[in-house]
């Protein structure tokens, strides 16, 4: 009889210990599940943000419409680049767009200047509206392309950028336009072999 009671007590103690271990395992599993859920949410949020940034870099960029060189004293003294926003792009603020001009003489990083009359033409470019379909979106203080039909002209003074009177006959140059979203557009300028008698040429 005493042995039976003793055995019953042992089983009770084992049952309580098992219950404690079980509860502890449940608590640990709950905590682990919470951590996993939070981590999964964080990773999903990060992936969505990265995906959106990657998408913006592809879509939110400028598209070249035309590039025209103005001829002065036998050289291209300035370049007018007409741009629009690429298909599927959101609004593009040209005041936050940067430009890199690469020529055999070197590379120049350029930024937008609001006051074209007070421009440092060697490192700054100005913007002129050509077609503002949305109405007053391409302004001096905030030139924004917000409509597929919008057109703006980026004006570069190649005399100041390149020196020696500007781009010469047969010269080449590469321009990279980088929007705030990271979208990049590369434009290659090729000066004709002869500029004789021309006042403006397509590059």
N, C-alpha and C. Protein backbone atom coordinates (compact mmCIF):
# COMPACT_ATOMS: atom_id res chain seq x y z
N UNK A 1 0.85 -1.22 0.00
CA UNK A 1 0.00 0.00 0.00
C UNK A 1 0.86 1.24 0.00
N UNK A 2 1.90 1.23 0.87
CA UNK A 2 2.80 2.40 0.91
C UNK A 2 3.53 2.55 -0.41
N UNK A 3 3.90 1.39 -0.98
CA UNK A 3 4.57 1.46 -2.28
C UNK A 3 3.65 2.06 -3.33
N UNK A 4 2.41 1.71 -3.29
CA UNK A 4 1.46 2.26 -4.26
C UNK A 4 1.31 3.76 -4.11
N UNK A 5 1.19 4.23 -2.84
CA UNK A 5 1.10 5.68 -2.62
C UNK A 5 2.36 6.38 -3.08
N UNK A 6 3.49 5.75 -2.81
CA UNK A 6 4.75 6.34 -3.22
C UNK A 6 4.82 6.49 -4.74
N UNK A 7 4.35 5.46 -5.42
CA UNK A 7 4.36 5.50 -6.89
C UNK A 7 3.41 6.58 -7.41
N UNK A 8 2.25 6.72 -6.74
CA UNK A 8 1.32 7.77 -7.15
C UNK A 8 1.94 9.14 -6.99
N UNK A 9 2.63 9.37 -5.87
CA UNK A 9 3.31 10.67 -5.66
C UNK A 9 4.34 10.92 -6.74
N UNK A 10 5.08 9.91 -7.11
CA UNK A 10 6.09 10.08 -8.16
C UNK A 10 5.43 10.48 -9.46
N UNK A 11 4.33 9.86 -9.78
CA UNK A 11 3.66 10.20 -11.05
C UNK A 11 3.13 11.62 -11.00
N UNK A 12 2.68 12.08 -9.88
CA UNK A 12 2.21 13.46 -9.75
C UNK A 12 3.32 14.47 -9.95
N UNK A 13 4.47 14.16 -9.37
CA UNK A 13 5.59 15.06 -9.53
C UNK A 13 6.06 15.12 -10.97
N UNK A 14 6.08 13.97 -11.60
CA UNK A 14 6.47 13.93 -13.01
C UNK A 14 5.48 14.70 -13.86
N UNK A 15 4.19 14.58 -13.55
CA UNK A 15 3.16 15.30 -14.31
C UNK A 15 3.31 16.80 -14.19
N UNK A 16 3.57 17.31 -13.00
CA UNK A 16 3.77 18.75 -12.80
C UNK A 16 5.00 19.24 -13.55
N UNK A 17 6.08 18.48 -13.47
CA UNK A 17 7.31 18.86 -14.18
C UNK A 17 7.10 18.92 -15.67
N UNK A 18 6.38 17.92 -16.18
CA UNK A 18 6.09 17.90 -17.62
C UNK A 18 5.25 19.10 -18.03
N UNK A 19 4.26 19.42 -17.17
CA UNK A 19 3.40 20.58 -17.45
C UNK A 19 4.21 21.87 -17.50
N UNK A 20 5.13 22.00 -16.54
CA UNK A 20 5.97 23.21 -16.50
C UNK A 20 6.81 23.31 -17.76
N UNK A 21 7.42 22.17 -18.12
CA UNK A 21 8.24 22.16 -19.34
C UNK A 21 7.38 22.48 -20.56
N UNK A 22 6.16 21.92 -20.60
CA UNK A 22 5.27 22.17 -21.73
C UNK A 22 4.92 23.66 -21.85
N UNK A 23 4.58 24.26 -20.69
CA UNK A 23 4.23 25.69 -20.68
C UNK A 23 5.43 26.52 -21.13
N UNK A 24 6.61 26.14 -20.64
CA UNK A 24 7.82 26.87 -21.04
C UNK A 24 8.05 26.77 -22.54
N UNK A 25 7.83 25.58 -23.08
CA UNK A 25 8.00 25.39 -24.53
C UNK A 25 7.00 26.21 -25.32
N UNK A 26 5.76 26.28 -24.82
CA UNK A 26 4.73 27.09 -25.48
C UNK A 26 5.12 28.56 -25.48
N UNK A 27 5.62 29.04 -24.32
CA UNK A 27 6.03 30.45 -24.22
C UNK A 27 7.20 30.75 -25.17
N UNK A 28 8.18 29.83 -25.18
CA UNK A 28 9.33 30.02 -26.08
C UNK A 28 8.87 30.02 -27.54
N UNK A 29 7.96 29.08 -27.86
CA UNK A 29 7.47 29.01 -29.24
C UNK A 29 6.71 30.28 -29.62
N UNK A 30 5.93 30.82 -28.66
CA UNK A 30 5.17 32.05 -28.92
C UNK A 30 6.12 33.22 -29.16
N UNK A 31 7.15 33.31 -28.32
CA UNK A 31 8.13 34.39 -28.49
C UNK A 31 8.84 34.26 -29.83
N UNK A 32 9.25 33.02 -30.13
CA UNK A 32 9.94 32.78 -31.41
C UNK A 32 9.04 33.12 -32.59
N UNK A 33 7.77 32.75 -32.48
CA UNK A 33 6.83 33.06 -33.56
C UNK A 33 6.68 34.56 -33.73
N UNK A 34 6.62 35.28 -32.60
CA UNK A 34 6.52 36.73 -32.68
C UNK A 34 7.73 37.35 -33.35
N UNK A 35 8.91 36.84 -33.00
CA UNK A 35 10.14 37.34 -33.62
C UNK A 35 10.15 37.06 -35.11
N UNK A 36 9.72 35.84 -35.48
CA UNK A 36 9.69 35.48 -36.89
C UNK A 36 8.71 36.34 -37.67
N UNK A 37 7.55 36.59 -37.08
CA UNK A 37 6.55 37.42 -37.75
C UNK A 37 7.07 38.84 -37.95
N UNK A 38 7.68 39.39 -36.89
CA UNK A 38 8.24 40.74 -37.00
C UNK A 38 9.35 40.79 -38.04
N UNK A 39 10.21 39.77 -38.03
CA UNK A 39 11.30 39.73 -39.00
C UNK A 39 10.77 39.61 -40.42
N UNK A 40 9.76 38.75 -40.60
CA UNK A 40 9.16 38.58 -41.93
C UNK A 40 8.53 39.88 -42.41
N UNK A 41 7.86 40.58 -41.50
CA UNK A 41 7.26 41.86 -41.86
C UNK A 41 8.30 42.88 -42.23
N UNK A 42 9.39 42.92 -41.46
CA UNK A 42 10.48 43.86 -41.75
C UNK A 42 11.11 43.56 -43.11
N UNK A 43 11.35 42.26 -43.36
CA UNK A 43 11.95 41.87 -44.64
C UNK A 43 11.03 42.18 -45.81
N UNK A 44 9.73 41.95 -45.61
CA UNK A 44 8.77 42.25 -46.67
C UNK A 44 8.73 43.73 -46.96
N UNK A 45 8.73 44.54 -45.88
CA UNK A 45 8.71 46.00 -46.06
C UNK A 45 9.97 46.47 -46.77
N UNK A 46 11.13 45.90 -46.37
CA UNK A 46 12.38 46.27 -47.01
C UNK A 46 12.41 45.86 -48.47
N UNK A 47 11.87 44.67 -48.76
CA UNK A 47 11.84 44.19 -50.14
C UNK A 47 10.94 45.07 -51.00
N UNK A 48 9.78 45.47 -50.44
CA UNK A 48 8.87 46.34 -51.19
C UNK A 48 9.51 47.69 -51.46
N UNK A 49 10.20 48.23 -50.45
CA UNK A 49 10.87 49.53 -50.63
C UNK A 49 11.97 49.43 -51.67
N UNK A 50 12.76 48.35 -51.59
CA UNK A 50 13.83 48.16 -52.56
C UNK A 50 13.26 47.98 -53.97
N UNK A 51 12.18 47.22 -54.06
CA UNK A 51 11.54 47.02 -55.35
C UNK A 51 11.00 48.32 -55.93
N UNK A 52 10.43 49.17 -55.06
CA UNK A 52 9.90 50.44 -55.53
C UNK A 52 11.03 51.36 -56.00
N UNK A 53 12.14 51.36 -55.25
CA UNK A 53 13.28 52.18 -55.65
C UNK A 53 13.86 51.71 -56.97
N UNK A 54 13.95 50.40 -57.14
CA UNK A 54 14.46 49.85 -58.39
C UNK A 54 13.53 50.20 -59.55
N UNK A 55 12.23 50.12 -59.29
CA UNK A 55 11.25 50.47 -60.32
C UNK A 55 11.35 51.94 -60.69
N UNK A 56 11.53 52.80 -59.68
CA UNK A 56 11.66 54.24 -59.94
C UNK A 56 12.89 54.55 -60.77
N UNK A 57 13.98 53.83 -60.50
CA UNK A 57 15.21 54.07 -61.26
C UNK A 57 15.04 53.72 -62.73
N UNK A 58 14.17 52.76 -62.99
CA UNK A 58 13.94 52.34 -64.37
C UNK A 58 12.95 53.25 -65.07
N UNK A 59 11.87 53.61 -64.37
CA UNK A 59 10.77 54.35 -65.02
C UNK A 59 10.90 55.87 -64.89
N UNK A 60 11.35 56.35 -63.73
CA UNK A 60 11.38 57.80 -63.52
C UNK A 60 12.66 58.41 -64.10
N UNK A 61 12.68 58.49 -65.40
CA UNK A 61 13.85 59.04 -66.08
C UNK A 61 13.39 59.95 -67.22
N UNK A 62 14.35 60.68 -67.76
CA UNK A 62 14.07 61.58 -68.87
C UNK A 62 14.32 60.88 -70.20
N UNK A 63 13.68 61.39 -71.22
CA UNK A 63 13.88 60.86 -72.57
C UNK A 63 14.25 62.00 -73.50
N UNK A 64 15.30 61.81 -74.26
CA UNK A 64 15.75 62.84 -75.20
C UNK A 64 14.79 62.92 -76.38
N UNK A 65 14.40 64.14 -76.74
CA UNK A 65 13.59 64.38 -77.93
C UNK A 65 14.50 64.81 -79.07
N UNK A 66 15.40 65.75 -78.79
CA UNK A 66 16.36 66.21 -79.79
C UNK A 66 17.50 66.95 -79.12
N UNK A 67 18.63 67.02 -79.80
CA UNK A 67 19.79 67.79 -79.32
C UNK A 67 20.30 68.64 -80.47
N UNK A 68 20.37 69.92 -80.22
CA UNK A 68 20.76 70.87 -81.27
C UNK A 68 21.95 71.68 -80.79
N UNK A 69 22.95 71.81 -81.67
CA UNK A 69 24.12 72.61 -81.36
C UNK A 69 24.07 73.95 -82.06
N UNK A 70 24.36 75.01 -81.32
CA UNK A 70 24.40 76.36 -81.88
C UNK A 70 25.84 76.66 -82.31
N UNK A 71 26.00 77.06 -83.56
CA UNK A 71 27.33 77.27 -84.12
C UNK A 71 27.74 78.73 -84.01
N UNK A 72 28.89 78.96 -83.41
CA UNK A 72 29.46 80.30 -83.30
C UNK A 72 30.95 80.22 -83.61
N UNK A 73 31.38 81.00 -84.64
CA UNK A 73 32.79 81.04 -85.02
C UNK A 73 33.36 79.65 -85.31
N UNK A 74 32.56 78.83 -85.96
CA UNK A 74 33.03 77.52 -86.40
C UNK A 74 33.04 76.44 -85.35
N UNK A 75 32.49 76.71 -84.15
CA UNK A 75 32.41 75.71 -83.09
C UNK A 75 30.99 75.65 -82.53
N UNK A 76 30.70 74.56 -81.83
CA UNK A 76 29.41 74.46 -81.13
C UNK A 76 29.57 75.18 -79.80
N UNK A 77 28.99 76.37 -79.71
CA UNK A 77 29.15 77.19 -78.51
C UNK A 77 28.15 76.83 -77.42
N UNK A 78 27.01 76.28 -77.80
CA UNK A 78 26.01 75.86 -76.82
C UNK A 78 25.19 74.70 -77.37
N UNK A 79 24.62 73.93 -76.46
CA UNK A 79 23.80 72.77 -76.85
C UNK A 79 22.44 72.88 -76.18
N UNK A 80 21.40 72.71 -76.97
CA UNK A 80 20.03 72.72 -76.46
C UNK A 80 19.47 71.31 -76.55
N UNK A 81 19.16 70.72 -75.39
CA UNK A 81 18.63 69.36 -75.35
C UNK A 81 17.15 69.41 -74.95
N UNK A 82 16.30 68.98 -75.85
CA UNK A 82 14.86 68.93 -75.55
C UNK A 82 14.55 67.58 -74.94
N UNK A 83 13.88 67.61 -73.79
CA UNK A 83 13.58 66.37 -73.08
C UNK A 83 12.09 66.29 -72.72
N UNK A 84 11.66 65.08 -72.48
CA UNK A 84 10.32 64.81 -71.94
C UNK A 84 10.48 63.69 -70.92
N UNK A 85 9.44 63.44 -70.15
CA UNK A 85 9.53 62.33 -69.21
C UNK A 85 9.26 61.03 -69.96
N UNK A 86 9.99 59.98 -69.56
CA UNK A 86 9.86 58.69 -70.23
C UNK A 86 8.48 58.09 -69.98
N UNK A 87 8.03 57.20 -70.86
CA UNK A 87 6.72 56.56 -70.65
C UNK A 87 6.65 55.85 -69.30
N UNK A 88 5.58 56.09 -68.57
CA UNK A 88 5.39 55.47 -67.26
C UNK A 88 6.04 56.21 -66.12
N UNK A 89 6.77 57.27 -66.41
CA UNK A 89 7.47 58.01 -65.35
C UNK A 89 6.50 58.89 -64.57
N UNK A 90 6.81 59.09 -63.29
CA UNK A 90 6.06 60.05 -62.48
C UNK A 90 6.55 61.46 -62.80
N UNK A 91 6.05 62.45 -62.06
CA UNK A 91 6.50 63.81 -62.28
C UNK A 91 8.01 63.91 -62.06
N UNK A 92 8.69 64.63 -62.93
CA UNK A 92 10.14 64.79 -62.84
C UNK A 92 10.48 66.26 -62.67
N UNK A 93 11.15 66.56 -61.57
CA UNK A 93 11.56 67.93 -61.26
C UNK A 93 12.97 68.13 -61.81
N UNK A 94 13.08 68.97 -62.81
CA UNK A 94 14.39 69.20 -63.45
C UNK A 94 15.34 69.99 -62.55
N UNK A 95 14.80 70.67 -61.54
CA UNK A 95 15.67 71.43 -60.63
C UNK A 95 16.48 70.51 -59.73
N UNK A 96 16.02 69.26 -59.56
CA UNK A 96 16.75 68.29 -58.74
C UNK A 96 17.51 67.28 -59.62
N UNK A 97 17.45 67.49 -60.92
CA UNK A 97 18.17 66.62 -61.85
C UNK A 97 19.61 67.09 -61.98
N UNK A 98 20.53 66.15 -61.98
CA UNK A 98 21.94 66.49 -62.17
C UNK A 98 22.39 66.00 -63.54
N UNK A 99 23.49 66.59 -64.01
CA UNK A 99 23.96 66.29 -65.36
C UNK A 99 25.47 66.09 -65.31
N UNK A 100 25.94 65.10 -66.01
CA UNK A 100 27.38 64.87 -66.14
C UNK A 100 27.75 64.98 -67.60
N UNK A 101 28.68 65.90 -67.88
CA UNK A 101 29.14 66.14 -69.25
C UNK A 101 30.54 65.56 -69.39
N UNK A 102 30.69 64.55 -70.26
CA UNK A 102 31.97 63.88 -70.44
C UNK A 102 32.50 64.17 -71.84
N UNK A 103 33.72 64.71 -71.89
CA UNK A 103 34.35 65.08 -73.15
C UNK A 103 35.82 64.69 -73.06
N UNK A 104 36.50 64.70 -74.18
CA UNK A 104 37.92 64.33 -74.19
C UNK A 104 38.74 65.23 -73.27
N UNK A 105 38.22 66.42 -72.99
CA UNK A 105 38.94 67.34 -72.11
C UNK A 105 38.70 67.05 -70.63
N UNK A 106 37.73 66.18 -70.33
CA UNK A 106 37.44 65.83 -68.94
C UNK A 106 35.97 65.64 -68.68
N UNK A 107 35.62 65.52 -67.40
CA UNK A 107 34.23 65.29 -66.98
C UNK A 107 33.78 66.42 -66.06
N UNK A 108 32.57 66.90 -66.27
CA UNK A 108 32.03 68.00 -65.48
C UNK A 108 30.65 67.62 -64.93
N UNK A 109 30.47 67.75 -63.62
CA UNK A 109 29.17 67.55 -62.99
C UNK A 109 28.44 68.88 -62.92
N UNK A 110 27.19 68.88 -63.35
CA UNK A 110 26.45 70.13 -63.45
C UNK A 110 25.11 70.04 -62.73
N UNK A 111 24.65 71.18 -62.23
CA UNK A 111 23.37 71.27 -61.53
C UNK A 111 22.54 72.40 -62.12
N UNK A 112 21.26 72.39 -61.78
CA UNK A 112 20.33 73.40 -62.29
C UNK A 112 20.52 74.73 -61.59
N UNK A 113 20.39 75.81 -62.35
CA UNK A 113 20.42 77.15 -61.78
C UNK A 113 19.11 77.85 -62.12
N UNK A 114 18.53 78.50 -61.13
CA UNK A 114 17.24 79.14 -61.33
C UNK A 114 17.37 80.44 -62.12
N UNK A 115 18.39 81.22 -61.79
CA UNK A 115 18.58 82.52 -62.44
C UNK A 115 19.58 82.38 -63.57
N UNK A 116 19.10 82.28 -64.79
CA UNK A 116 19.97 82.06 -65.94
C UNK A 116 20.88 83.25 -66.21
N UNK A 117 20.51 84.42 -65.71
CA UNK A 117 21.35 85.60 -65.93
C UNK A 117 22.52 85.65 -64.96
N UNK A 118 22.47 84.80 -63.94
CA UNK A 118 23.56 84.76 -62.96
C UNK A 118 24.11 83.34 -62.88
N UNK A 119 24.39 82.75 -64.05
CA UNK A 119 24.76 81.35 -64.14
C UNK A 119 26.27 81.18 -64.19
N UNK A 120 26.75 80.14 -63.54
CA UNK A 120 28.13 79.71 -63.72
C UNK A 120 28.09 78.65 -64.80
N UNK A 121 28.25 79.08 -66.04
CA UNK A 121 28.00 78.20 -67.18
C UNK A 121 28.94 77.01 -67.26
N UNK A 122 30.01 77.03 -66.48
CA UNK A 122 30.94 75.90 -66.52
C UNK A 122 30.46 74.73 -65.67
N UNK A 123 29.54 74.99 -64.73
CA UNK A 123 29.06 73.92 -63.84
C UNK A 123 27.54 73.93 -63.67
N UNK A 124 26.84 74.82 -64.34
CA UNK A 124 25.39 74.92 -64.16
C UNK A 124 24.68 74.96 -65.51
N UNK A 125 23.44 74.48 -65.52
CA UNK A 125 22.62 74.53 -66.73
C UNK A 125 21.29 75.19 -66.40
N UNK A 126 20.65 75.75 -67.41
CA UNK A 126 19.34 76.37 -67.23
C UNK A 126 18.30 75.56 -68.01
N UNK A 127 17.04 75.84 -67.70
CA UNK A 127 15.92 75.12 -68.33
C UNK A 127 14.92 76.13 -68.87
N UNK A 128 14.44 75.87 -70.08
CA UNK A 128 13.44 76.73 -70.71
C UNK A 128 12.23 75.88 -71.09
N UNK A 129 11.02 76.38 -70.85
CA UNK A 129 9.82 75.62 -71.25
C UNK A 129 9.61 75.70 -72.76
N UNK A 130 9.21 74.59 -73.34
CA UNK A 130 8.85 74.56 -74.76
C UNK A 130 7.36 74.33 -74.90
N UNK A 131 6.88 73.31 -74.19
CA UNK A 131 5.44 73.00 -74.19
C UNK A 131 5.05 72.57 -72.79
N UNK A 132 4.16 73.33 -72.20
CA UNK A 132 3.72 73.06 -70.82
C UNK A 132 2.24 72.68 -70.86
N UNK A 133 1.98 71.40 -71.11
CA UNK A 133 0.61 70.94 -71.29
C UNK A 133 -0.21 71.06 -70.01
N UNK A 134 0.43 70.81 -68.86
CA UNK A 134 -0.29 70.87 -67.59
C UNK A 134 -0.62 72.29 -67.17
N UNK A 135 0.12 73.26 -67.68
CA UNK A 135 -0.14 74.65 -67.33
C UNK A 135 0.66 75.11 -66.14
N UNK A 136 1.68 75.91 -66.38
CA UNK A 136 2.51 76.54 -65.35
C UNK A 136 3.22 75.53 -64.44
N UNK A 137 3.57 74.38 -64.97
CA UNK A 137 4.34 73.42 -64.18
C UNK A 137 5.84 73.58 -64.45
N UNK A 138 6.18 74.05 -65.65
CA UNK A 138 7.59 74.25 -66.00
C UNK A 138 7.92 75.72 -65.75
N UNK A 139 8.15 76.04 -64.49
CA UNK A 139 8.47 77.41 -64.11
C UNK A 139 9.95 77.53 -63.78
N UNK A 140 10.42 78.76 -63.63
CA UNK A 140 11.83 78.99 -63.37
C UNK A 140 12.24 78.41 -62.03
N UNK A 141 11.42 78.62 -61.00
CA UNK A 141 11.79 78.15 -59.67
C UNK A 141 11.54 76.65 -59.49
N UNK A 142 10.65 76.06 -60.31
CA UNK A 142 10.36 74.64 -60.16
C UNK A 142 9.94 74.05 -61.51
N UNK A 143 10.91 73.75 -62.36
CA UNK A 143 10.57 73.19 -63.68
C UNK A 143 10.23 71.71 -63.58
N UNK A 144 8.93 71.39 -63.59
CA UNK A 144 8.48 70.02 -63.40
C UNK A 144 7.77 69.53 -64.66
N UNK A 145 8.16 68.35 -65.12
CA UNK A 145 7.46 67.70 -66.22
C UNK A 145 6.40 66.78 -65.60
N UNK A 146 5.14 67.17 -65.72
CA UNK A 146 4.07 66.40 -65.09
C UNK A 146 3.05 65.86 -66.08
N UNK A 147 3.36 66.00 -67.37
CA UNK A 147 2.44 65.52 -68.41
C UNK A 147 3.27 64.89 -69.53
N UNK A 148 2.81 63.80 -70.13
CA UNK A 148 3.57 63.18 -71.22
C UNK A 148 3.86 64.13 -72.38
N UNK A 149 3.02 65.15 -72.53
CA UNK A 149 3.21 66.09 -73.64
C UNK A 149 4.15 67.24 -73.30
N UNK A 150 4.54 67.36 -72.03
CA UNK A 150 5.44 68.44 -71.62
C UNK A 150 6.80 68.29 -72.29
N UNK A 151 7.35 69.42 -72.70
CA UNK A 151 8.68 69.46 -73.29
C UNK A 151 9.46 70.62 -72.67
N UNK A 152 10.72 70.35 -72.33
CA UNK A 152 11.57 71.40 -71.77
C UNK A 152 12.92 71.35 -72.45
N UNK A 153 13.60 72.49 -72.47
CA UNK A 153 14.91 72.60 -73.12
C UNK A 153 15.99 72.80 -72.06
N UNK A 154 16.96 71.92 -72.02
CA UNK A 154 18.13 72.07 -71.16
C UNK A 154 19.21 72.77 -71.96
N UNK A 155 19.70 73.89 -71.44
CA UNK A 155 20.67 74.71 -72.17
C UNK A 155 22.05 74.58 -71.54
N UNK A 156 23.03 74.18 -72.36
CA UNK A 156 24.40 74.02 -71.90
C UNK A 156 25.32 74.95 -72.69
N UNK A 157 26.18 75.65 -71.97
CA UNK A 157 27.16 76.53 -72.61
C UNK A 157 28.46 75.76 -72.79
N UNK A 158 28.62 75.14 -73.96
CA UNK A 158 29.79 74.30 -74.18
C UNK A 158 31.08 75.11 -74.30
N UNK A 159 30.97 76.39 -74.59
CA UNK A 159 32.17 77.23 -74.61
C UNK A 159 32.80 77.27 -73.23
N UNK A 160 31.96 77.38 -72.21
CA UNK A 160 32.46 77.42 -70.84
C UNK A 160 32.80 76.03 -70.30
N UNK A 161 32.03 75.03 -70.69
CA UNK A 161 32.25 73.67 -70.18
C UNK A 161 33.52 73.06 -70.76
N UNK A 162 33.67 73.15 -72.08
CA UNK A 162 34.79 72.51 -72.78
C UNK A 162 35.99 73.44 -72.90
N UNK A 163 35.69 74.74 -73.10
CA UNK A 163 36.76 75.69 -73.37
C UNK A 163 37.12 75.69 -74.85
N UNK A 164 38.07 76.51 -75.23
CA UNK A 164 38.54 76.57 -76.62
C UNK A 164 37.42 76.82 -77.62
N UNK A 165 36.44 77.62 -77.21
CA UNK A 165 35.36 77.98 -78.12
C UNK A 165 34.23 76.98 -78.20
N UNK A 166 34.33 75.87 -77.49
CA UNK A 166 33.26 74.88 -77.50
C UNK A 166 33.66 73.61 -78.22
N UNK A 167 32.66 72.84 -78.65
CA UNK A 167 32.91 71.59 -79.36
C UNK A 167 33.32 71.87 -80.81
N UNK A 168 34.35 71.19 -81.26
CA UNK A 168 34.86 71.39 -82.62
C UNK A 168 34.26 70.38 -83.58
N UNK A 169 34.51 70.57 -84.85
CA UNK A 169 34.03 69.65 -85.88
C UNK A 169 34.54 68.23 -85.61
N UNK A 170 33.63 67.26 -85.65
CA UNK A 170 33.99 65.86 -85.43
C UNK A 170 34.10 65.45 -83.97
N UNK A 171 33.95 66.40 -83.05
CA UNK A 171 34.03 66.08 -81.62
C UNK A 171 32.84 65.22 -81.18
N UNK A 172 33.05 64.50 -80.10
CA UNK A 172 31.97 63.74 -79.49
C UNK A 172 31.93 64.04 -77.99
N UNK A 173 30.78 63.88 -77.40
CA UNK A 173 30.61 64.08 -75.96
C UNK A 173 29.46 63.21 -75.49
N UNK A 174 29.50 62.84 -74.22
CA UNK A 174 28.44 62.03 -73.63
C UNK A 174 27.83 62.79 -72.45
N UNK A 175 26.53 62.81 -72.41
CA UNK A 175 25.81 63.48 -71.33
C UNK A 175 24.97 62.45 -70.59
N UNK A 176 25.05 62.46 -69.27
CA UNK A 176 24.20 61.61 -68.45
C UNK A 176 23.29 62.48 -67.60
N UNK A 177 21.99 62.28 -67.76
CA UNK A 177 21.00 62.99 -66.96
C UNK A 177 20.51 62.06 -65.85
N UNK A 178 20.63 62.50 -64.61
CA UNK A 178 20.24 61.68 -63.46
C UNK A 178 19.12 62.38 -62.68
N UNK A 179 17.96 61.75 -62.64
CA UNK A 179 16.84 62.33 -61.91
C UNK A 179 16.98 62.03 -60.42
N UNK A 180 16.15 62.67 -59.61
CA UNK A 180 16.20 62.50 -58.17
C UNK A 180 15.95 61.05 -57.77
N UNK A 181 15.15 60.33 -58.55
CA UNK A 181 14.84 58.92 -58.25
C UNK A 181 15.97 57.98 -58.61
N UNK A 182 16.98 58.50 -59.32
CA UNK A 182 18.09 57.66 -59.73
C UNK A 182 18.01 57.19 -61.17
N UNK A 183 16.96 57.59 -61.88
CA UNK A 183 16.84 57.22 -63.29
C UNK A 183 17.90 57.92 -64.12
N UNK A 184 18.56 57.18 -64.99
CA UNK A 184 19.66 57.71 -65.78
C UNK A 184 19.34 57.65 -67.27
N UNK A 185 19.63 58.74 -67.95
CA UNK A 185 19.48 58.80 -69.40
C UNK A 185 20.81 59.23 -70.00
N UNK A 186 21.31 58.46 -70.94
CA UNK A 186 22.59 58.79 -71.59
C UNK A 186 22.33 59.35 -72.98
N UNK A 187 22.96 60.45 -73.26
CA UNK A 187 22.82 61.12 -74.56
C UNK A 187 24.21 61.27 -75.17
N UNK A 188 24.37 60.83 -76.38
CA UNK A 188 25.66 60.95 -77.05
C UNK A 188 25.58 62.05 -78.11
N UNK A 189 26.47 63.01 -78.01
CA UNK A 189 26.52 64.12 -78.96
C UNK A 189 27.65 63.87 -79.95
N UNK A 190 27.34 63.99 -81.24
CA UNK A 190 28.35 63.83 -82.30
C UNK A 190 28.27 65.06 -83.20
N UNK A 191 29.34 65.83 -83.20
CA UNK A 191 29.39 67.04 -84.03
C UNK A 191 29.71 66.64 -85.47
N UNK A 192 28.99 67.18 -86.43
CA UNK A 192 29.29 66.88 -87.84
C UNK A 192 30.73 67.21 -88.20
N UNK A 193 31.22 66.56 -89.26
CA UNK A 193 32.61 66.76 -89.68
C UNK A 193 32.85 68.16 -90.22
N UNK A 194 31.79 68.83 -90.66
CA UNK A 194 31.94 70.20 -91.11
C UNK A 194 30.78 71.05 -90.58
N UNK A 195 31.12 72.25 -90.12
CA UNK A 195 30.11 73.18 -89.62
C UNK A 195 30.05 74.43 -90.50
N UNK A 196 30.72 74.41 -91.59
CA UNK A 196 30.83 75.56 -92.47
C UNK A 196 29.45 76.00 -92.96
N UNK A 197 29.15 77.28 -92.74
CA UNK A 197 27.91 77.88 -93.22
C UNK A 197 26.69 77.57 -92.39
N UNK A 198 26.83 76.79 -91.31
CA UNK A 198 25.69 76.41 -90.47
C UNK A 198 25.59 77.30 -89.26
N UNK A 199 24.36 77.58 -88.86
CA UNK A 199 24.14 78.35 -87.62
C UNK A 199 23.67 77.44 -86.49
N UNK A 200 23.11 76.28 -86.87
CA UNK A 200 22.67 75.28 -85.90
C UNK A 200 22.68 73.92 -86.58
N UNK A 201 23.03 72.90 -85.82
CA UNK A 201 23.08 71.54 -86.36
C UNK A 201 22.49 70.55 -85.37
N UNK A 202 22.00 69.46 -85.91
CA UNK A 202 21.51 68.38 -85.06
C UNK A 202 22.70 67.53 -84.61
N UNK A 203 22.79 67.24 -83.34
CA UNK A 203 23.91 66.48 -82.80
C UNK A 203 23.49 65.03 -82.54
